[in-house]
Amino acid sequence: ALNLDHFETVITPVGEGDMAWKIGDEGFEMI
């Protein structure tokens, strides 16, 4: 098993437009 010790979240200063996920007419569209 794994003991869950700590978690952390970080948003990088750049990259908002480099990885995205949108709904299109022909399925979901990955950037």
Full PDB file with SEQRES, HELIX, SHEET, SSBOND, CRYST1, ORIGX, SCALE, CONECT and MASTER records, all heavy atoms in Angstrom:
SEQRES   1 A   31  ALA LEU ASN LEU ASP HIS PHE GLU THR VAL ILE THR PRO          
SEQRES   2 A   31  VAL GLY GLU GLY ASP MET ALA TRP LYS ILE GLY ASP GLU          
SEQRES   3 A   31  GLY PHE GLU MET ILE                                          
SHEET    1 AA1 2 TRP A  21  GLY A  24  0                                        
SHEET    2 AA1 2 GLY A  27  MET A  30 -1                                        
CRYST1    1.000    1.000    1.000  90.00  90.00  90.00 P 1           1          
ORIGX1      1.000000  0.000000  0.000000        0.00000                         
ORIGX2      0.000000  1.000000  0.000000        0.00000                         
ORIGX3      0.000000  0.000000  1.000000        0.00000                         
SCALE1      1.000000  0.000000  0.000000        0.00000                         
SCALE2      0.000000  1.000000  0.000000        0.00000                         
SCALE3      0.000000  0.000000  1.000000        0.00000                         
ATOM      1  N   ALA A   1       0.840  -1.194   0.000  1.00  0.00           N  
ATOM      2  CA  ALA A   1       0.000   0.000   0.000  1.00  0.00           C  
ATOM      3  C   ALA A   1       0.874   1.242   0.000  1.00  0.00           C  
ATOM      4  O   ALA A   1       2.101   1.162   0.070  1.00  0.00           O  
ATOM      5  CB  ALA A   1      -0.933  -0.012   1.215  1.00  0.00           C  
ATOM      6  N   LEU A   2       0.224   2.392  -0.080  1.00  0.00           N  
ATOM      7  CA  LEU A   2       0.928   3.671  -0.074  1.00  0.00           C  
ATOM      8  C   LEU A   2       0.317   4.580   0.984  1.00  0.00           C  
ATOM      9  O   LEU A   2      -0.904   4.787   1.016  1.00  0.00           O  
ATOM     10  CB  LEU A   2       0.831   4.359  -1.441  1.00  0.00           C  
ATOM     11  CG  LEU A   2       1.593   3.719  -2.588  1.00  0.00           C  
ATOM     12  CD1 LEU A   2       1.155   4.308  -3.923  1.00  0.00           C  
ATOM     13  CD2 LEU A   2       3.109   3.907  -2.404  1.00  0.00           C  
ATOM     14  N   ASN A   3       1.158   5.113   1.850  1.00  0.00           N  
ATOM     15  CA  ASN A   3       0.692   6.141   2.773  1.00  0.00           C  
ATOM     16  C   ASN A   3       0.663   7.473   2.031  1.00  0.00           C  
ATOM     17  O   ASN A   3       1.659   7.865   1.407  1.00  0.00           O  
ATOM     18  CB  ASN A   3       1.615   6.237   3.985  1.00  0.00           C  
ATOM     19  CG  ASN A   3       1.005   7.043   5.110  1.00  0.00           C  
ATOM     20  OD1 ASN A   3       0.076   6.596   5.768  1.00  0.00           O  
ATOM     21  ND2 ASN A   3       1.513   8.245   5.326  1.00  0.00           N  
ATOM     22  N   LEU A   4      -0.467   8.172   2.076  1.00  0.00           N  
ATOM     23  CA  LEU A   4      -0.613   9.454   1.388  1.00  0.00           C  
ATOM     24  C   LEU A   4      -0.123  10.559   2.314  1.00  0.00           C  
ATOM     25  O   LEU A   4      -0.837  10.983   3.218  1.00  0.00           O  
ATOM     26  CB  LEU A   4      -2.071   9.673   0.986  1.00  0.00           C  
ATOM     27  CG  LEU A   4      -2.678   8.607   0.071  1.00  0.00           C  
ATOM     28  CD1 LEU A   4      -4.158   8.905  -0.193  1.00  0.00           C  
ATOM     29  CD2 LEU A   4      -1.912   8.518  -1.247  1.00  0.00           C  
ATOM     30  N   ASP A   5       1.098  11.026   2.095  1.00  0.00           N  
ATOM     31  CA  ASP A   5       1.735  11.966   3.018  1.00  0.00           C  
ATOM     32  C   ASP A   5       1.344  13.418   2.729  1.00  0.00           C  
ATOM     33  O   ASP A   5       0.801  14.100   3.592  1.00  0.00           O  
ATOM     34  CB  ASP A   5       3.255  11.816   2.946  1.00  0.00           C  
ATOM     35  CG  ASP A   5       3.717  10.418   3.321  1.00  0.00           C  
ATOM     36  OD1 ASP A   5       3.065   9.789   4.172  1.00  0.00           O  
ATOM     37  OD2 ASP A   5       4.725   9.958   2.749  1.00  0.00           O  
ATOM     38  N   HIS A   6       1.639  13.899   1.526  1.00  0.00           N  
ATOM     39  CA  HIS A   6       1.416  15.314   1.205  1.00  0.00           C  
ATOM     40  C   HIS A   6       0.997  15.464  -0.251  1.00  0.00           C  
ATOM     41  O   HIS A   6       1.375  14.652  -1.107  1.00  0.00           O  
ATOM     42  CB  HIS A   6       2.685  16.139   1.436  1.00  0.00           C  
ATOM     43  CG  HIS A   6       3.286  15.969   2.793  1.00  0.00           C  
ATOM     44  ND1 HIS A   6       2.729  16.495   3.929  1.00  0.00           N  
ATOM     45  CD2 HIS A   6       4.413  15.316   3.200  1.00  0.00           C  
ATOM     46  CE1 HIS A   6       3.480  16.186   4.984  1.00  0.00           C  
ATOM     47  NE2 HIS A   6       4.499  15.468   4.557  1.00  0.00           N  
ATOM     48  N   PHE A   7       0.247  16.547  -0.528  1.00  0.00           N  
ATOM     49  CA  PHE A   7      -0.142  16.900  -1.895  1.00  0.00           C  
ATOM     50  C   PHE A   7       0.154  18.372  -2.140  1.00  0.00           C  
ATOM     51  O   PHE A   7       0.184  19.181  -1.211  1.00  0.00           O  
ATOM     52  CB  PHE A   7      -1.642  16.653  -2.123  1.00  0.00           C  
ATOM     53  CG  PHE A   7      -2.033  15.207  -2.179  1.00  0.00           C  
ATOM     54  CD1 PHE A   7      -2.348  14.513  -1.018  1.00  0.00           C  
ATOM     55  CD2 PHE A   7      -2.094  14.534  -3.391  1.00  0.00           C  
ATOM     56  CE1 PHE A   7      -2.711  13.177  -1.055  1.00  0.00           C  
ATOM     57  CE2 PHE A   7      -2.457  13.194  -3.445  1.00  0.00           C  
ATOM     58  CZ  PHE A   7      -2.766  12.516  -2.272  1.00  0.00           C  
ATOM     59  N   GLU A   8       0.358  18.710  -3.412  1.00  0.00           N  
ATOM     60  CA  GLU A   8       0.595  20.108  -3.773  1.00  0.00           C  
ATOM     61  C   GLU A   8       0.093  20.371  -5.189  1.00  0.00           C  
ATOM     62  O   GLU A   8       0.159  19.482  -6.053  1.00  0.00           O  
ATOM     63  CB  GLU A   8       2.087  20.444  -3.673  1.00  0.00           C  
ATOM     64  CG  GLU A   8       2.403  21.926  -3.772  1.00  0.00           C  
ATOM     65  CD  GLU A   8       1.765  22.739  -2.651  1.00  0.00           C  
ATOM     66  OE1 GLU A   8       2.077  22.492  -1.477  1.00  0.00           O  
ATOM     67  OE2 GLU A   8       0.941  23.624  -2.982  1.00  0.00           O  
ATOM     68  N   THR A   9      -0.396  21.588  -5.416  1.00  0.00           N  
ATOM     69  CA  THR A   9      -0.841  22.039  -6.735  1.00  0.00           C  
ATOM     70  C   THR A   9      -0.056  23.273  -7.138  1.00  0.00           C  
ATOM     71  O   THR A   9       0.112  24.191  -6.323  1.00  0.00           O  
ATOM     72  CB  THR A   9      -2.342  22.397  -6.729  1.00  0.00           C  
ATOM     73  OG1 THR A   9      -3.106  21.258  -6.346  1.00  0.00           O  
ATOM     74  CG2 THR A   9      -2.796  22.870  -8.110  1.00  0.00           C  
ATOM     75  N   VAL A  10       0.416  23.303  -8.371  1.00  0.00           N  
ATOM     76  CA  VAL A  10       1.131  24.473  -8.896  1.00  0.00           C  
ATOM     77  C   VAL A  10       0.672  24.726 -10.329  1.00  0.00           C  
ATOM     78  O   VAL A  10       0.578  23.792 -11.129  1.00  0.00           O  
ATOM     79  CB  VAL A  10       2.662  24.274  -8.866  1.00  0.00           C  
ATOM     80  CG1 VAL A  10       3.367  25.413  -9.602  1.00  0.00           C  
ATOM     81  CG2 VAL A  10       3.165  24.186  -7.429  1.00  0.00           C  
ATOM     82  N   ILE A  11       0.371  25.989 -10.637  1.00  0.00           N  
ATOM     83  CA  ILE A  11       0.098  26.401 -12.012  1.00  0.00           C  
ATOM     84  C   ILE A  11       1.341  27.108 -12.526  1.00  0.00           C  
ATOM     85  O   ILE A  11       1.805  28.072 -11.912  1.00  0.00           O  
ATOM     86  CB  ILE A  11      -1.126  27.328 -12.100  1.00  0.00           C  
ATOM     87  CG1 ILE A  11      -2.377  26.604 -11.607  1.00  0.00           C  
ATOM     88  CG2 ILE A  11      -1.328  27.828 -13.529  1.00  0.00           C  
ATOM     89  CD1 ILE A  11      -3.620  27.481 -11.578  1.00  0.00           C  
ATOM     90  N   THR A  12       1.891  26.642 -13.634  1.00  0.00           N  
ATOM     91  CA  THR A  12       3.105  27.252 -14.168  1.00  0.00           C  
ATOM     92  C   THR A  12       2.793  28.642 -14.727  1.00  0.00           C  
ATOM     93  O   THR A  12       1.666  28.918 -15.128  1.00  0.00           O  
ATOM     94  CB  THR A  12       3.721  26.377 -15.268  1.00  0.00           C  
ATOM     95  OG1 THR A  12       2.779  26.233 -16.343  1.00  0.00           O  
ATOM     96  CG2 THR A  12       4.080  24.999 -14.732  1.00  0.00           C  
ATOM     97  N   PRO A  13       3.792  29.531 -14.781  1.00  0.00           N  
ATOM     98  CA  PRO A  13       3.559  30.897 -15.259  1.00  0.00           C  
ATOM     99  C   PRO A  13       3.138  30.960 -16.728  1.00  0.00           C  
ATOM    100  O   PRO A  13       2.515  31.927 -17.159  1.00  0.00           O  
ATOM    101  CB  PRO A  13       4.912  31.585 -15.050  1.00  0.00           C  
ATOM    102  CG  PRO A  13       5.630  30.740 -14.053  1.00  0.00           C  
ATOM    103  CD  PRO A  13       5.161  29.338 -14.294  1.00  0.00           C  
ATOM    104  N   VAL A  14       3.487  29.937 -17.503  1.00  0.00           N  
ATOM    105  CA  VAL A  14       3.136  29.893 -18.929  1.00  0.00           C  
ATOM    106  C   VAL A  14       2.505  28.537 -19.234  1.00  0.00           C  
ATOM    107  O   VAL A  14       2.575  27.620 -18.432  1.00  0.00           O  
ATOM    108  CB  VAL A  14       4.380  30.096 -19.820  1.00  0.00           C  
ATOM    109  CG1 VAL A  14       4.965  31.488 -19.633  1.00  0.00           C  
ATOM    110  CG2 VAL A  14       5.444  29.038 -19.509  1.00  0.00           C  
ATOM    111  N   GLY A  15       1.867  28.448 -20.395  1.00  0.00           N  
ATOM    112  CA  GLY A  15       1.358  27.160 -20.830  1.00  0.00           C  
ATOM    113  C   GLY A  15      -0.148  27.041 -20.910  1.00  0.00           C  
ATOM    114  O   GLY A  15      -0.674  25.978 -21.251  1.00  0.00           O  
ATOM    115  N   GLU A  16      -0.867  28.118 -20.607  1.00  0.00           N  
ATOM    116  CA  GLU A  16      -2.334  28.040 -20.635  1.00  0.00           C  
ATOM    117  C   GLU A  16      -2.854  27.616 -22.000  1.00  0.00           C  
ATOM    118  O   GLU A  16      -3.827  26.865 -22.102  1.00  0.00           O  
ATOM    119  CB  GLU A  16      -2.933  29.397 -20.246  1.00  0.00           C  
ATOM    120  CG  GLU A  16      -4.452  29.395 -20.216  1.00  0.00           C  
ATOM    121  CD  GLU A  16      -5.027  30.729 -19.762  1.00  0.00           C  
ATOM    122  OE1 GLU A  16      -4.240  31.587 -19.302  1.00  0.00           O  
ATOM    123  OE2 GLU A  16      -6.253  30.908 -19.872  1.00  0.00           O  
ATOM    124  N   GLY A  17      -2.200  28.087 -23.065  1.00  0.00           N  
ATOM    125  CA  GLY A  17      -2.658  27.756 -24.409  1.00  0.00           C  
ATOM    126  C   GLY A  17      -1.977  26.552 -25.018  1.00  0.00           C  
ATOM    127  O   GLY A  17      -2.280  26.178 -26.158  1.00  0.00           O  
ATOM    128  N   ASP A  18      -1.062  25.906 -24.275  1.00  0.00           N  
ATOM    129  CA  ASP A  18      -0.298  24.790 -24.833  1.00  0.00           C  
ATOM    130  C   ASP A  18      -0.902  23.427 -24.523  1.00  0.00           C  
ATOM    131  O   ASP A  18      -0.529  22.437 -25.146  1.00  0.00           O  
ATOM    132  CB  ASP A  18       1.142  24.835 -24.312  1.00  0.00           C  
ATOM    133  CG  ASP A  18       1.908  26.022 -24.864  1.00  0.00           C  
ATOM    134  OD1 ASP A  18       2.287  25.960 -26.050  1.00  0.00           O  
ATOM    135  OD2 ASP A  18       2.094  27.011 -24.137  1.00  0.00           O  
ATOM    136  N   MET A  19      -1.796  23.373 -23.552  1.00  0.00           N  
ATOM    137  CA  MET A  19      -2.503  22.130 -23.258  1.00  0.00           C  
ATOM    138  C   MET A  19      -3.933  22.502 -22.875  1.00  0.00           C  
ATOM    139  O   MET A  19      -4.171  23.151 -21.854  1.00  0.00           O  
ATOM    140  CB  MET A  19      -1.823  21.354 -22.127  1.00  0.00           C  
ATOM    141  CG  MET A  19      -2.450  19.977 -21.899  1.00  0.00           C  
ATOM    142  SD  MET A  19      -1.720  19.071 -20.494  1.00  0.00           S  
ATOM    143  CE  MET A  19      -0.055  18.784 -21.084  1.00  0.00           C  
ATOM    144  N   ALA A  20      -4.885  22.108 -23.704  1.00  0.00           N  
ATOM    145  CA  ALA A  20      -6.284  22.454 -23.468  1.00  0.00           C  
ATOM    146  C   ALA A  20      -7.184  21.361 -24.040  1.00  0.00           C  
ATOM    147  O   ALA A  20      -6.742  20.521 -24.832  1.00  0.00           O  
ATOM    148  CB  ALA A  20      -6.621  23.804 -24.101  1.00  0.00           C  
ATOM    149  N   TRP A  21      -8.461  21.387 -23.672  1.00  0.00           N  
ATOM    150  CA  TRP A  21      -9.398  20.299 -23.987  1.00  0.00           C  
ATOM    151  C   TRP A  21     -10.759  20.938 -24.157  1.00  0.00           C  
ATOM    152  O   TRP A  21     -11.326  21.477 -23.213  1.00  0.00           O  
ATOM    153  CB  TRP A  21      -9.354  19.322 -22.829  1.00  0.00           C  
ATOM    154  CG  TRP A  21      -9.974  17.950 -22.915  1.00  0.00           C  
ATOM    155  CD1 TRP A  21     -10.721  17.349 -21.942  1.00  0.00           C  
ATOM    156  CD2 TRP A  21      -9.877  16.984 -23.961  1.00  0.00           C  
ATOM    157  NE1 TRP A  21     -11.083  16.076 -22.321  1.00  0.00           N  
ATOM    158  CE2 TRP A  21     -10.580  15.827 -23.553  1.00  0.00           C  
ATOM    159  CE3 TRP A  21      -9.268  16.995 -25.219  1.00  0.00           C  
ATOM    160  CZ2 TRP A  21     -10.693  14.686 -24.351  1.00  0.00           C  
ATOM    161  CZ3 TRP A  21      -9.386  15.862 -26.006  1.00  0.00           C  
ATOM    162  CH2 TRP A  21     -10.081  14.728 -25.582  1.00  0.00           C  
ATOM    163  N   LYS A  22     -11.291  20.932 -25.377  1.00  0.00           N  
ATOM    164  CA  LYS A  22     -12.557  21.607 -25.676  1.00  0.00           C  
ATOM    165  C   LYS A  22     -13.530  20.649 -26.353  1.00  0.00           C  
ATOM    166  O   LYS A  22     -13.125  19.660 -26.963  1.00  0.00           O  
ATOM    167  CB  LYS A  22     -12.313  22.822 -26.578  1.00  0.00           C  
ATOM    168  CG  LYS A  22     -11.380  23.872 -25.987  1.00  0.00           C  
ATOM    169  CD  LYS A  22     -11.150  25.023 -26.957  1.00  0.00           C  
ATOM    170  CE  LYS A  22     -10.210  26.060 -26.369  1.00  0.00           C  
ATOM    171  NZ  LYS A  22      -9.956  27.180 -27.311  1.00  0.00           N  
ATOM    172  N   ILE A  23     -14.822  20.974 -26.252  1.00  0.00           N  
ATOM    173  CA  ILE A  23     -15.853  20.166 -26.888  1.00  0.00           C  
ATOM    174  C   ILE A  23     -16.159  20.723 -28.268  1.00  0.00           C  
ATOM    175  O   ILE A  23     -16.505  21.899 -28.406  1.00  0.00           O  
ATOM    176  CB  ILE A  23     -17.137  20.134 -26.033  1.00  0.00           C  
ATOM    177  CG1 ILE A  23     -16.837  19.533 -24.663  1.00  0.00           C  
ATOM    178  CG2 ILE A  23     -18.227  19.330 -26.729  1.00  0.00           C  
ATOM    179  CD1 ILE A  23     -18.009  19.557 -23.709  1.00  0.00           C  
ATOM    180  N   GLY A  24     -16.025  19.876 -29.292  1.00  0.00           N  
ATOM    181  CA  GLY A  24     -16.330  20.281 -30.659  1.00  0.00           C  
ATOM    182  C   GLY A  24     -17.528  19.527 -31.196  1.00  0.00           C  
ATOM    183  O   GLY A  24     -18.122  18.681 -30.521  1.00  0.00           O  
ATOM    184  N   ASP A  25     -17.894  19.815 -32.429  1.00  0.00           N  
ATOM    185  CA  ASP A  25     -19.036  19.138 -33.045  1.00  0.00           C  
ATOM    186  C   ASP A  25     -18.736  17.684 -33.374  1.00  0.00           C  
ATOM    187  O   ASP A  25     -19.648  16.865 -33.488  1.00  0.00           O  
ATOM    188  CB  ASP A  25     -19.448  19.875 -34.321  1.00  0.00           C  
ATOM    189  CG  ASP A  25     -20.007  21.260 -34.043  1.00  0.00           C  
ATOM    190  OD1 ASP A  25     -20.539  21.457 -32.927  1.00  0.00           O  
ATOM    191  OD2 ASP A  25     -19.909  22.131 -34.918  1.00  0.00           O  
ATOM    192  N   GLU A  26     -17.459  17.365 -33.536  1.00  0.00           N  
ATOM    193  CA  GLU A  26     -17.057  15.993 -33.871  1.00  0.00           C  
ATOM    194  C   GLU A  26     -16.142  15.442 -32.787  1.00  0.00           C  
ATOM    195  O   GLU A  26     -15.027  15.007 -33.022  1.00  0.00           O  
ATOM    196  CB  GLU A  26     -16.363  15.969 -35.242  1.00  0.00           C  
ATOM    197  CG  GLU A  26     -17.297  16.389 -36.370  1.00  0.00           C  
ATOM    198  CD  GLU A  26     -16.578  16.514 -37.704  1.00  0.00           C  
ATOM    199  OE1 GLU A  26     -15.356  16.819 -37.686  1.00  0.00           O  
ATOM    200  OE2 GLU A  26     -17.223  16.320 -38.747  1.00  0.00           O  
ATOM    201  N   GLY A  27     -16.645  15.466 -31.553  1.00  0.00           N  
ATOM    202  CA  GLY A  27     -15.890  14.973 -30.428  1.00  0.00           C  
ATOM    203  C   GLY A  27     -15.150  16.076 -29.691  1.00  0.00           C  
ATOM    204  O   GLY A  27     -15.332  17.263 -29.965  1.00  0.00           O  
ATOM    205  N   PHE A  28     -14.329  15.691 -28.729  1.00  0.00           N  
ATOM    206  CA  PHE A  28     -13.551  16.644 -27.947  1.00  0.00           C  
ATOM    207  C   PHE A  28     -12.236  16.927 -28.667  1.00  0.00           C  
ATOM    208  O   PHE A  28     -11.621  16.024 -29.239  1.00  0.00           O  
ATOM    209  CB  PHE A  28     -13.267  16.103 -26.544  1.00  0.00           C  
ATOM    210  CG  PHE A  28     -14.494  15.818 -25.729  1.00  0.00           C  
ATOM    211  CD1 PHE A  28     -14.386  15.156 -24.523  1.00  0.00           C  
ATOM    212  CD2 PHE A  28     -15.757  16.197 -26.159  1.00  0.00           C  
ATOM    213  CE1 PHE A  28     -15.504  14.876 -23.758  1.00  0.00           C  
ATOM    214  CE2 PHE A  28     -16.891  15.927 -25.402  1.00  0.00           C  
ATOM    215  CZ  PHE A  28     -16.763  15.258 -24.200  1.00  0.00           C  
ATOM    216  N   GLU A  29     -11.812  18.176 -28.625  1.00  0.00           N  
ATOM    217  CA  GLU A  29     -10.637  18.614 -29.381  1.00  0.00           C  
ATOM    218  C   GLU A  29      -9.490  18.925 -28.426  1.00  0.00           C  
ATOM    219  O   GLU A  29      -9.603  19.778 -27.556  1.00  0.00           O  
ATOM    220  CB  GLU A  29     -10.997  19.840 -30.217  1.00  0.00           C  
ATOM    221  CG  GLU A  29     -12.110  19.560 -31.224  1.00  0.00           C  
ATOM    222  CD  GLU A  29     -12.626  20.811 -31.905  1.00  0.00           C  
ATOM    223  OE1 GLU A  29     -12.159  21.921 -31.534  1.00  0.00           O  
ATOM    224  OE2 GLU A  29     -13.493  20.696 -32.786  1.00  0.00           O  
ATOM    225  N   MET A  30      -8.386  18.226 -28.608  1.00  0.00           N  
ATOM    226  CA  MET A  30      -7.215  18.375 -27.753  1.00  0.00           C  
ATOM    227  C   MET A  30      -6.217  19.346 -28.357  1.00  0.00           C  
ATOM    228  O   MET A  30      -5.901  19.274 -29.550  1.00  0.00           O  
ATOM    229  CB  MET A  30      -6.538  17.016 -27.539  1.00  0.00           C  
ATOM    230  CG  MET A  30      -5.139  17.074 -26.937  1.00  0.00           C  
ATOM    231  SD  MET A  30      -5.100  17.772 -25.283  1.00  0.00           S  
ATOM    232  CE  MET A  30      -5.700  16.392 -24.321  1.00  0.00           C  
ATOM    233  N   ILE A  31      -5.754  20.278 -27.527  1.00  0.00           N  
ATOM    234  CA  ILE A  31      -4.620  21.135 -27.880  1.00  0.00           C  
ATOM    235  C   ILE A  31      -3.433  20.656 -27.052  1.00  0.00           C  
ATOM    236  O   ILE A  31      -3.461  20.696 -25.824  1.00  0.00           O  
ATOM    237  CB  ILE A  31      -4.917  22.612 -27.580  1.00  0.00           C  
ATOM    238  CG1 ILE A  31      -6.112  23.103 -28.410  1.00  0.00           C  
ATOM    239  CG2 ILE A  31      -3.681  23.466 -27.849  1.00  0.00           C  
ATOM    240  CD1 ILE A  31      -6.576  24.502 -28.053  1.00  0.00           C  
TER     241      ILE A  31                                                      
MASTER        0    0    0    0    2    0    0    6  240    1    0    3          
END                                                                             
